[in-house]
Amino acid sequence: MKKTIEEHAARFDDHATQYDESQNSAEYTACVDNVCRHAQADDAVILDLGTGTGAIALSLAESAAQVIGRDISEGMMDRASEKATQQGIENVSFAHGSFREPNYDGPVDIVVSNFAMHHLSDEEKREAIATIASFDPERFVLGDVMLFDEPDSAAEFFDPEVDDPATVGMLADALTDSGFSLTVVESISPQVGVLVAERSVGSD
């Protein structure tokens, strides 16, 4: 049985202070770097869903006009806010929000998410992508656990107790159904990748 959103939040609250130190694999680092590279844009308003401790949000803040971080874990966001203060970054804000209820209704140029959406079921991922599309962003950049090959629950990035990664094909279909055009597919490993999707001309 998959964990509830409250159970996921509590788990990340417990790991917030050690989270950054635990995310030191080559695959995770490459994913962060590639998401930031594809999402960077001068003076953009960026919405970071599943912001965690702010790795993506704080990296993008230098060139962005504003970065809005949303997460279900108060502990993770507290750590992100501490890092922003330590680094003197003032154009980033963090608040509670989820993929399907982001708790934000302002303008968005780019939506990003890194290592977070894979906790949702496939149907929940479709709902999340539809919510992201409703902001009418120019671009959505997703870095995550995703399946390029046959699933292998023994692999480092896939724990069936807490993870529910989708196939790249399923994600591509969900993006297309929500009016996105998939422009970049980067495989970092058989179970980690980055997708870049842009809004199709004429999308609602």
Foldseek 3Di string as FASTA:
>chain_A
DADDLVVVQVVLLVCQVVVVVVQDDPQQVVLLVVLLVVQADAQFEEEEAQCFLNSNVVSNQVRYVAYEYEHQHPNRPVNNVVVCVVVVRDRYDYDYAHLLGRVDDDAGAEYEYAADLQQDALVVSLNSLLSVCVSVYQKYKYKHFEAPDDDDCVDPRHPPHRGRHYHPVSVCVSNVVNQWDWDDWADSDRTITMTMIGGDPPGD
